[in-house]
Amino acid sequence: KLKSASVDDIEKVFGKSGSFTSKISFVAGRVSDNA
C-alpha cells in the first residue's frame, strides 16, 4: 500500500511540511536528553 501511494502523499506525512515527523523528532530529542 505504501508503494502504491504517490510520492506527494508520502511527503505530506513524512516531508518537511508534515507535522508527524517534526513532532516525532521533537519528542525523540526530549526522550534522548532525559535518558
Full PDB file with SEQRES, HELIX, SHEET, SSBOND, CRYST1, ORIGX, SCALE, CONECT and MASTER records, all heavy atoms in Angstrom:
SEQRES   1 A   35  LYS LEU LYS SER ALA SER VAL ASP ASP ILE GLU LYS VAL          
SEQRES   2 A   35  PHE GLY LYS SER GLY SER PHE THR SER LYS ILE SER PHE          
SEQRES   3 A   35  VAL ALA GLY ARG VAL SER ASP ASN ALA                          
HELIX    1 AA1 VAL A    7  PHE A   14  1                                   8    
HELIX    2 AA2 SER A   19  ASN A   34  1                                  16    
CRYST1    1.000    1.000    1.000  90.00  90.00  90.00 P 1           1          
ORIGX1      1.000000  0.000000  0.000000        0.00000                         
ORIGX2      0.000000  1.000000  0.000000        0.00000                         
ORIGX3      0.000000  0.000000  1.000000        0.00000                         
SCALE1      1.000000  0.000000  0.000000        0.00000                         
SCALE2      0.000000  1.000000  0.000000        0.00000                         
SCALE3      0.000000  0.000000  1.000000        0.00000                         
ATOM      1  N   LYS A   1       0.831  -1.201   0.000  1.00  0.00           N  
ATOM      2  CA  LYS A   1       0.000   0.000   0.000  1.00  0.00           C  
ATOM      3  C   LYS A   1       0.867   1.253   0.000  1.00  0.00           C  
ATOM      4  O   LYS A   1       0.530   2.263  -0.636  1.00  0.00           O  
ATOM      5  CB  LYS A   1      -0.914  -0.014   1.225  1.00  0.00           C  
ATOM      6  CG  LYS A   1      -2.072   0.960   1.136  1.00  0.00           C  
ATOM      7  CD  LYS A   1      -3.086   0.715   2.240  1.00  0.00           C  
ATOM      8  CE  LYS A   1      -4.273   1.672   2.114  1.00  0.00           C  
ATOM      9  NZ  LYS A   1      -5.284   1.420   3.163  1.00  0.00           N  
ATOM     10  N   LEU A   2       1.981   1.200   0.715  1.00  0.00           N  
ATOM     11  CA  LEU A   2       2.908   2.328   0.732  1.00  0.00           C  
ATOM     12  C   LEU A   2       3.439   2.594  -0.672  1.00  0.00           C  
ATOM     13  O   LEU A   2       3.472   3.741  -1.134  1.00  0.00           O  
ATOM     14  CB  LEU A   2       4.081   2.047   1.681  1.00  0.00           C  
ATOM     15  CG  LEU A   2       5.195   3.097   1.693  1.00  0.00           C  
ATOM     16  CD1 LEU A   2       4.680   4.421   2.283  1.00  0.00           C  
ATOM     17  CD2 LEU A   2       6.400   2.594   2.494  1.00  0.00           C  
ATOM     18  N   LYS A   3       3.816   1.534  -1.369  1.00  0.00           N  
ATOM     19  CA  LYS A   3       4.404   1.682  -2.702  1.00  0.00           C  
ATOM     20  C   LYS A   3       3.376   2.097  -3.748  1.00  0.00           C  
ATOM     21  O   LYS A   3       3.745   2.634  -4.807  1.00  0.00           O  
ATOM     22  CB  LYS A   3       5.085   0.378  -3.104  1.00  0.00           C  
ATOM     23  CG  LYS A   3       6.322   0.069  -2.268  1.00  0.00           C  
ATOM     24  CD  LYS A   3       6.950  -1.258  -2.644  1.00  0.00           C  
ATOM     25  CE  LYS A   3       8.180  -1.540  -1.786  1.00  0.00           C  
ATOM     26  NZ  LYS A   3       8.820  -2.849  -2.121  1.00  0.00           N  
ATOM     27  N   SER A   4       2.124   1.860  -3.457  1.00  0.00           N  
ATOM     28  CA  SER A   4       1.084   2.275  -4.404  1.00  0.00           C  
ATOM     29  C   SER A   4       0.704   3.750  -4.220  1.00  0.00           C  
ATOM     30  O   SER A   4       0.029   4.342  -5.064  1.00  0.00           O  
ATOM     31  CB  SER A   4      -0.164   1.405  -4.236  1.00  0.00           C  
ATOM     32  OG  SER A   4      -0.779   1.640  -2.985  1.00  0.00           O  
ATOM     33  N   ALA A   5       1.146   4.339  -3.100  1.00  0.00           N  
ATOM     34  CA  ALA A   5       0.852   5.751  -2.835  1.00  0.00           C  
ATOM     35  C   ALA A   5       1.799   6.644  -3.643  1.00  0.00           C  
ATOM     36  O   ALA A   5       2.907   6.248  -4.002  1.00  0.00           O  
ATOM     37  CB  ALA A   5       1.003   6.044  -1.350  1.00  0.00           C  
ATOM     38  N   SER A   6       1.356   7.853  -3.918  1.00  0.00           N  
ATOM     39  CA  SER A   6       2.208   8.800  -4.648  1.00  0.00           C  
ATOM     40  C   SER A   6       3.267   9.372  -3.718  1.00  0.00           C  
ATOM     41  O   SER A   6       3.090   9.405  -2.492  1.00  0.00           O  
ATOM     42  CB  SER A   6       1.361   9.938  -5.225  1.00  0.00           C  
ATOM     43  OG  SER A   6       0.849  10.744  -4.174  1.00  0.00           O  
ATOM     44  N   VAL A   7       4.363   9.813  -4.301  1.00  0.00           N  
ATOM     45  CA  VAL A   7       5.437  10.435  -3.523  1.00  0.00           C  
ATOM     46  C   VAL A   7       4.914  11.677  -2.808  1.00  0.00           C  
ATOM     47  O   VAL A   7       5.304  11.966  -1.673  1.00  0.00           O  
ATOM     48  CB  VAL A   7       6.632  10.786  -4.433  1.00  0.00           C  
ATOM     49  CG1 VAL A   7       7.673  11.593  -3.656  1.00  0.00           C  
ATOM     50  CG2 VAL A   7       7.256   9.525  -5.004  1.00  0.00           C  
ATOM     51  N   ASP A   8       4.011  12.391  -3.467  1.00  0.00           N  
ATOM     52  CA  ASP A   8       3.438  13.597  -2.851  1.00  0.00           C  
ATOM     53  C   ASP A   8       2.661  13.262  -1.580  1.00  0.00           C  
ATOM     54  O   ASP A   8       2.737  13.996  -0.584  1.00  0.00           O  
ATOM     55  CB  ASP A   8       2.517  14.307  -3.848  1.00  0.00           C  
ATOM     56  CG  ASP A   8       3.286  14.990  -4.963  1.00  0.00           C  
ATOM     57  OD1 ASP A   8       4.505  15.214  -4.787  1.00  0.00           O  
ATOM     58  OD2 ASP A   8       2.680  15.289  -6.001  1.00  0.00           O  
ATOM     59  N   ASP A   9       1.907  12.147  -1.608  1.00  0.00           N  
ATOM     60  CA  ASP A   9       1.133  11.749  -0.424  1.00  0.00           C  
ATOM     61  C   ASP A   9       2.061  11.343   0.724  1.00  0.00           C  
ATOM     62  O   ASP A   9       1.770  11.626   1.897  1.00  0.00           O  
ATOM     63  CB  ASP A   9       0.198  10.585  -0.774  1.00  0.00           C  
ATOM     64  CG  ASP A   9      -1.022  11.047  -1.565  1.00  0.00           C  
ATOM     65  OD1 ASP A   9      -1.326  12.251  -1.531  1.00  0.00           O  
ATOM     66  OD2 ASP A   9      -1.660  10.200  -2.222  1.00  0.00           O  
ATOM     67  N   ILE A  10       3.151  10.687   0.362  1.00  0.00           N  
ATOM     68  CA  ILE A  10       4.128  10.297   1.386  1.00  0.00           C  
ATOM     69  C   ILE A  10       4.786  11.538   1.981  1.00  0.00           C  
ATOM     70  O   ILE A  10       4.991  11.640   3.190  1.00  0.00           O  
ATOM     71  CB  ILE A  10       5.203   9.353   0.800  1.00  0.00           C  
ATOM     72  CG1 ILE A  10       4.552   8.069   0.289  1.00  0.00           C  
ATOM     73  CG2 ILE A  10       6.265   9.027   1.853  1.00  0.00           C  
ATOM     74  CD1 ILE A  10       5.498   7.142  -0.432  1.00  0.00           C  
ATOM     75  N   GLU A  11       5.067  12.504   1.116  1.00  0.00           N  
ATOM     76  CA  GLU A  11       5.714  13.735   1.571  1.00  0.00           C  
ATOM     77  C   GLU A  11       4.813  14.540   2.502  1.00  0.00           C  
ATOM     78  O   GLU A  11       5.296  15.197   3.431  1.00  0.00           O  
ATOM     79  CB  GLU A  11       6.113  14.588   0.373  1.00  0.00           C  
ATOM     80  CG  GLU A  11       6.915  15.817   0.752  1.00  0.00           C  
ATOM     81  CD  GLU A  11       7.405  16.604  -0.447  1.00  0.00           C  
ATOM     82  OE1 GLU A  11       6.847  16.404  -1.554  1.00  0.00           O  
ATOM     83  OE2 GLU A  11       8.334  17.410  -0.286  1.00  0.00           O  
ATOM     84  N   LYS A  12       3.516  14.504   2.260  1.00  0.00           N  
ATOM     85  CA  LYS A  12       2.576  15.241   3.110  1.00  0.00           C  
ATOM     86  C   LYS A  12       2.639  14.779   4.562  1.00  0.00           C  
ATOM     87  O   LYS A  12       2.385  15.552   5.485  1.00  0.00           O  
ATOM     88  CB  LYS A  12       1.156  15.065   2.578  1.00  0.00           C  
ATOM     89  CG  LYS A  12       0.876  15.831   1.298  1.00  0.00           C  
ATOM     90  CD  LYS A  12      -0.531  15.543   0.793  1.00  0.00           C  
ATOM     91  CE  LYS A  12      -0.785  16.254  -0.547  1.00  0.00           C  
ATOM     92  NZ  LYS A  12      -2.135  15.922  -1.084  1.00  0.00           N  
ATOM     93  N   VAL A  13       3.000  13.502   4.762  1.00  0.00           N  
ATOM     94  CA  VAL A  13       3.089  12.952   6.114  1.00  0.00           C  
ATOM     95  C   VAL A  13       4.513  13.040   6.660  1.00  0.00           C  
ATOM     96  O   VAL A  13       4.741  13.478   7.790  1.00  0.00           O  
ATOM     97  CB  VAL A  13       2.617  11.479   6.141  1.00  0.00           C  
ATOM     98  CG1 VAL A  13       2.741  10.905   7.555  1.00  0.00           C  
ATOM     99  CG2 VAL A  13       1.179  11.372   5.661  1.00  0.00           C  
ATOM    100  N   PHE A  14       5.476  12.622   5.846  1.00  0.00           N  
ATOM    101  CA  PHE A  14       6.851  12.491   6.333  1.00  0.00           C  
ATOM    102  C   PHE A  14       7.794  13.614   5.889  1.00  0.00           C  
ATOM    103  O   PHE A  14       8.920  13.692   6.371  1.00  0.00           O  
ATOM    104  CB  PHE A  14       7.429  11.151   5.866  1.00  0.00           C  
ATOM    105  CG  PHE A  14       6.736   9.963   6.464  1.00  0.00           C  
ATOM    106  CD1 PHE A  14       5.810   9.239   5.732  1.00  0.00           C  
ATOM    107  CD2 PHE A  14       6.995   9.566   7.766  1.00  0.00           C  
ATOM    108  CE1 PHE A  14       5.164   8.131   6.280  1.00  0.00           C  
ATOM    109  CE2 PHE A  14       6.352   8.477   8.330  1.00  0.00           C  
ATOM    110  CZ  PHE A  14       5.435   7.764   7.581  1.00  0.00           C  
ATOM    111  N   GLY A  15       7.356  14.458   4.992  1.00  0.00           N  
ATOM    112  CA  GLY A  15       8.223  15.531   4.498  1.00  0.00           C  
ATOM    113  C   GLY A  15       8.326  16.703   5.452  1.00  0.00           C  
ATOM    114  O   GLY A  15       7.737  16.718   6.534  1.00  0.00           O  
ATOM    115  N   LYS A  16       9.035  17.748   5.010  1.00  0.00           N  
ATOM    116  CA  LYS A  16       9.279  18.924   5.862  1.00  0.00           C  
ATOM    117  C   LYS A  16       8.002  19.656   6.246  1.00  0.00           C  
ATOM    118  O   LYS A  16       7.930  20.302   7.298  1.00  0.00           O  
ATOM    119  CB  LYS A  16      10.233  19.876   5.155  1.00  0.00           C  
ATOM    120  CG  LYS A  16       9.669  20.449   3.861  1.00  0.00           C  
ATOM    121  CD  LYS A  16      10.657  21.390   3.185  1.00  0.00           C  
ATOM    122  CE  LYS A  16      10.051  21.956   1.894  1.00  0.00           C  
ATOM    123  NZ  LYS A  16      10.986  22.868   1.210  1.00  0.00           N  
ATOM    124  N   SER A  17       6.986  19.558   5.396  1.00  0.00           N  
ATOM    125  CA  SER A  17       5.742  20.275   5.663  1.00  0.00           C  
ATOM    126  C   SER A  17       4.777  19.492   6.546  1.00  0.00           C  
ATOM    127  O   SER A  17       3.785  20.037   7.029  1.00  0.00           O  
ATOM    128  CB  SER A  17       5.038  20.630   4.341  1.00  0.00           C  
ATOM    129  OG  SER A  17       4.717  19.441   3.627  1.00  0.00           O  
ATOM    130  N   GLY A  18       5.086  18.193   6.771  1.00  0.00           N  
ATOM    131  CA  GLY A  18       4.217  17.348   7.589  1.00  0.00           C  
ATOM    132  C   GLY A  18       4.462  17.562   9.074  1.00  0.00           C  
ATOM    133  O   GLY A  18       5.590  17.800   9.505  1.00  0.00           O  
ATOM    134  N   SER A  19       3.401  17.470   9.862  1.00  0.00           N  
ATOM    135  CA  SER A  19       3.537  17.661  11.310  1.00  0.00           C  
ATOM    136  C   SER A  19       4.020  16.392  12.015  1.00  0.00           C  
ATOM    137  O   SER A  19       4.542  16.459  13.128  1.00  0.00           O  
ATOM    138  CB  SER A  19       2.192  18.091  11.912  1.00  0.00           C  
ATOM    139  OG  SER A  19       1.222  17.060  11.751  1.00  0.00           O  
ATOM    140  N   PHE A  20       3.868  15.246  11.358  1.00  0.00           N  
ATOM    141  CA  PHE A  20       4.183  13.972  12.004  1.00  0.00           C  
ATOM    142  C   PHE A  20       5.670  13.856  12.343  1.00  0.00           C  
ATOM    143  O   PHE A  20       6.038  13.643  13.504  1.00  0.00           O  
ATOM    144  CB  PHE A  20       3.750  12.801  11.130  1.00  0.00           C  
ATOM    145  CG  PHE A  20       4.054  11.453  11.722  1.00  0.00           C  
ATOM    146  CD1 PHE A  20       3.366  11.008  12.843  1.00  0.00           C  
ATOM    147  CD2 PHE A  20       5.022  10.634  11.172  1.00  0.00           C  
ATOM    148  CE1 PHE A  20       3.649   9.766  13.406  1.00  0.00           C  
ATOM    149  CE2 PHE A  20       5.307   9.396  11.715  1.00  0.00           C  
ATOM    150  CZ  PHE A  20       4.622   8.962  12.841  1.00  0.00           C  
ATOM    151  N   THR A  21       6.518  13.986  11.325  1.00  0.00           N  
ATOM    152  CA  THR A  21       7.959  13.821  11.562  1.00  0.00           C  
ATOM    153  C   THR A  21       8.520  14.907  12.475  1.00  0.00           C  
ATOM    154  O   THR A  21       9.419  14.642  13.282  1.00  0.00           O  
ATOM    155  CB  THR A  21       8.747  13.810  10.234  1.00  0.00           C  
ATOM    156  OG1 THR A  21       8.288  14.889   9.409  1.00  0.00           O  
ATOM    157  CG2 THR A  21       8.556  12.501   9.505  1.00  0.00           C  
ATOM    158  N   SER A  22       7.999  16.122  12.351  1.00  0.00           N  
ATOM    159  CA  SER A  22       8.519  17.209  13.189  1.00  0.00           C  
ATOM    160  C   SER A  22       8.202  16.958  14.657  1.00  0.00           C  
ATOM    161  O   SER A  22       9.051  17.188  15.533  1.00  0.00           O  
ATOM    162  CB  SER A  22       7.933  18.554  12.748  1.00  0.00           C  
ATOM    163  OG  SER A  22       6.527  18.568  12.856  1.00  0.00           O  
ATOM    164  N   LYS A  23       6.993  16.465  14.943  1.00  0.00           N  
ATOM    165  CA  LYS A  23       6.632  16.182  16.330  1.00  0.00           C  
ATOM    166  C   LYS A  23       7.401  14.979  16.856  1.00  0.00           C  
ATOM    167  O   LYS A  23       7.880  14.993  17.995  1.00  0.00           O  
ATOM    168  CB  LYS A  23       5.131  15.932  16.445  1.00  0.00           C  
ATOM    169  CG  LYS A  23       4.666  15.773  17.891  1.00  0.00           C  
ATOM    170  CD  LYS A  23       3.165  15.851  18.034  1.00  0.00           C  
ATOM    171  CE  LYS A  23       2.755  15.818  19.511  1.00  0.00           C  
ATOM    172  NZ  LYS A  23       1.302  15.974  19.698  1.00  0.00           N  
ATOM    173  N   ILE A  24       7.525  13.952  16.021  1.00  0.00           N  
ATOM    174  CA  ILE A  24       8.271  12.761  16.437  1.00  0.00           C  
ATOM    175  C   ILE A  24       9.728  13.120  16.719  1.00  0.00           C  
ATOM    176  O   ILE A  24      10.318  12.673  17.710  1.00  0.00           O  
ATOM    177  CB  ILE A  24       8.198  11.660  15.353  1.00  0.00           C  
ATOM    178  CG1 ILE A  24       6.791  11.052  15.295  1.00  0.00           C  
ATOM    179  CG2 ILE A  24       9.233  10.562  15.625  1.00  0.00           C  
ATOM    180  CD1 ILE A  24       6.354  10.345  16.566  1.00  0.00           C  
ATOM    181  N   SER A  25      10.317  13.946  15.863  1.00  0.00           N  
ATOM    182  CA  SER A  25      11.703  14.373  16.060  1.00  0.00           C  
ATOM    183  C   SER A  25      11.855  15.149  17.355  1.00  0.00           C  
ATOM    184  O   SER A  25      12.811  14.945  18.115  1.00  0.00           O  
ATOM    185  CB  SER A  25      12.152  15.242  14.877  1.00  0.00           C  
ATOM    186  OG  SER A  25      13.439  15.765  15.102  1.00  0.00           O  
ATOM    187  N   PHE A  26      10.902  16.041  17.615  1.00  0.00           N  
ATOM    188  CA  PHE A  26      10.948  16.854  18.833  1.00  0.00           C  
ATOM    189  C   PHE A  26      10.863  15.982  20.085  1.00  0.00           C  
ATOM    190  O   PHE A  26      11.677  16.122  21.007  1.00  0.00           O  
ATOM    191  CB  PHE A  26       9.792  17.860  18.817  1.00  0.00           C  
ATOM    192  CG  PHE A  26       9.731  18.719  20.053  1.00  0.00           C  
ATOM    193  CD1 PHE A  26      10.526  19.846  20.177  1.00  0.00           C  
ATOM    194  CD2 PHE A  26       8.876  18.400  21.104  1.00  0.00           C  
ATOM    195  CE1 PHE A  26      10.481  20.636  21.318  1.00  0.00           C  
ATOM    196  CE2 PHE A  26       8.821  19.179  22.252  1.00  0.00           C  
ATOM    197  CZ  PHE A  26       9.624  20.306  22.357  1.00  0.00           C  
ATOM    198  N   VAL A  27       9.892  15.078  20.116  1.00  0.00           N  
ATOM    199  CA  VAL A  27       9.711  14.209  21.286  1.00  0.00           C  
ATOM    200  C   VAL A  27      10.923  13.299  21.468  1.00  0.00           C  
ATOM    201  O   VAL A  27      11.414  13.111  22.585  1.00  0.00           O  
ATOM    202  CB  VAL A  27       8.421  13.377  21.172  1.00  0.00           C  
ATOM    203  CG1 VAL A  27       8.308  12.399  22.339  1.00  0.00           C  
ATOM    204  CG2 VAL A  27       7.200  14.280  21.132  1.00  0.00           C  
ATOM    205  N   ALA A  28      11.424  12.746  20.361  1.00  0.00           N  
ATOM    206  CA  ALA A  28      12.584  11.851  20.427  1.00  0.00           C  
ATOM    207  C   ALA A  28      13.792  12.565  21.015  1.00  0.00           C  
ATOM    208  O   ALA A  28      14.555  11.991  21.807  1.00  0.00           O  
ATOM    209  CB  ALA A  28      12.917  11.309  19.045  1.00  0.00           C  
ATOM    210  N   GLY A  29      13.964  13.834  20.655  1.00  0.00           N  
ATOM    211  CA  GLY A  29      15.071  14.613  21.206  1.00  0.00           C  
ATOM    212  C   GLY A  29      14.950  14.788  22.706  1.00  0.00           C  
ATOM    213  O   GLY A  29      15.947  14.681  23.443  1.00  0.00           O  
ATOM    214  N   ARG A  30      13.728  15.030  23.176  1.00  0.00           N  
ATOM    215  CA  ARG A  30      13.495  15.184  24.616  1.00  0.00           C  
ATOM    216  C   ARG A  30      13.693  13.857  25.348  1.00  0.00           C  
ATOM    217  O   ARG A  30      14.217  13.825  26.457  1.00  0.00           O  
ATOM    218  CB  ARG A  30      12.085  15.721  24.874  1.00  0.00           C  
ATOM    219  CG  ARG A  30      11.847  17.119  24.330  1.00  0.00           C  
ATOM    220  CD  ARG A  30      12.802  18.131  24.986  1.00  0.00           C  
ATOM    221  NE  ARG A  30      12.683  19.476  24.418  1.00  0.00           N  
ATOM    222  CZ  ARG A  30      13.360  19.900  23.363  1.00  0.00           C  
ATOM    223  NH1 ARG A  30      14.199  19.077  22.729  1.00  0.00           N  
ATOM    224  NH2 ARG A  30      13.215  21.135  22.924  1.00  0.00           N  
ATOM    225  N   VAL A  31      13.268  12.775  24.728  1.00  0.00           N  
ATOM    226  CA  VAL A  31      13.454  11.442  25.319  1.00  0.00           C  
ATOM    227  C   VAL A  31      14.940  11.155  25.491  1.00  0.00           C  
ATOM    228  O   VAL A  31      15.390  10.680  26.540  1.00  0.00           O  
ATOM    229  CB  VAL A  31      12.801  10.349  24.450  1.00  0.00           C  
ATOM    230  CG1 VAL A  31      13.187   8.956  24.952  1.00  0.00           C  
ATOM    231  CG2 VAL A  31      11.285  10.493  24.450  1.00  0.00           C  
ATOM    232  N   SER A  32      15.711  11.451  24.449  1.00  0.00           N  
ATOM    233  CA  SER A  32      17.158  11.216  24.490  1.00  0.00           C  
ATOM    234  C   SER A  32      17.832  12.040  25.575  1.00  0.00           C  
ATOM    235  O   SER A  32      18.664  11.533  26.337  1.00  0.00           O  
ATOM    236  CB  SER A  32      17.774  11.538  23.126  1.00  0.00           C  
ATOM    237  OG  SER A  32      19.175  11.387  23.154  1.00  0.00           O  
ATOM    238  N   ASP A  33      17.466  13.327  25.665  1.00  0.00           N  
ATOM    239  CA  ASP A  33      18.062  14.205  26.686  1.00  0.00           C  
ATOM    240  C   ASP A  33      17.736  13.705  28.094  1.00  0.00           C  
ATOM    241  O   ASP A  33      18.599  13.685  28.977  1.00  0.00           O  
ATOM    242  CB  ASP A  33      17.539  15.636  26.522  1.00  0.00           C  
ATOM    243  CG  ASP A  33      18.074  16.310  25.269  1.00  0.00           C  
ATOM    244  OD1 ASP A  33      19.063  15.809  24.703  1.00  0.00           O  
ATOM    245  OD2 ASP A  33      17.488  17.331  24.850  1.00  0.00           O  
ATOM    246  N   ASN A  34      16.489  13.318  28.292  1.00  0.00           N  
ATOM    247  CA  ASN A  34      16.064  12.834  29.603  1.00  0.00           C  
ATOM    248  C   ASN A  34      16.765  11.521  29.961  1.00  0.00           C  
ATOM    249  O   ASN A  34      17.175  11.307  31.102  1.00  0.00           O  
ATOM    250  CB  ASN A  34      14.548  12.638  29.620  1.00  0.00           C  
ATOM    251  CG  ASN A  34      14.026  12.258  30.990  1.00  0.00           C  
ATOM    252  OD1 ASN A  34      14.225  12.968  31.965  1.00  0.00           O  
ATOM    253  ND2 ASN A  34      13.345  11.117  31.075  1.00  0.00           N  
ATOM    254  N   ALA A  35      16.901  10.646  28.961  1.00  0.00           N  
ATOM    255  CA  ALA A  35      17.577   9.364  29.195  1.00  0.00           C  
ATOM    256  C   ALA A  35      19.041   9.584  29.557  1.00  0.00           C  
ATOM    257  O   ALA A  35      19.572   8.938  30.468  1.00  0.00           O  
ATOM    258  CB  ALA A  35      17.466   8.485  27.951  1.00  0.00           C  
TER     259      ALA A  35                                                      
MASTER        0    0    0    2    0    0    0    6  258    1    0    3          
END                                                                             
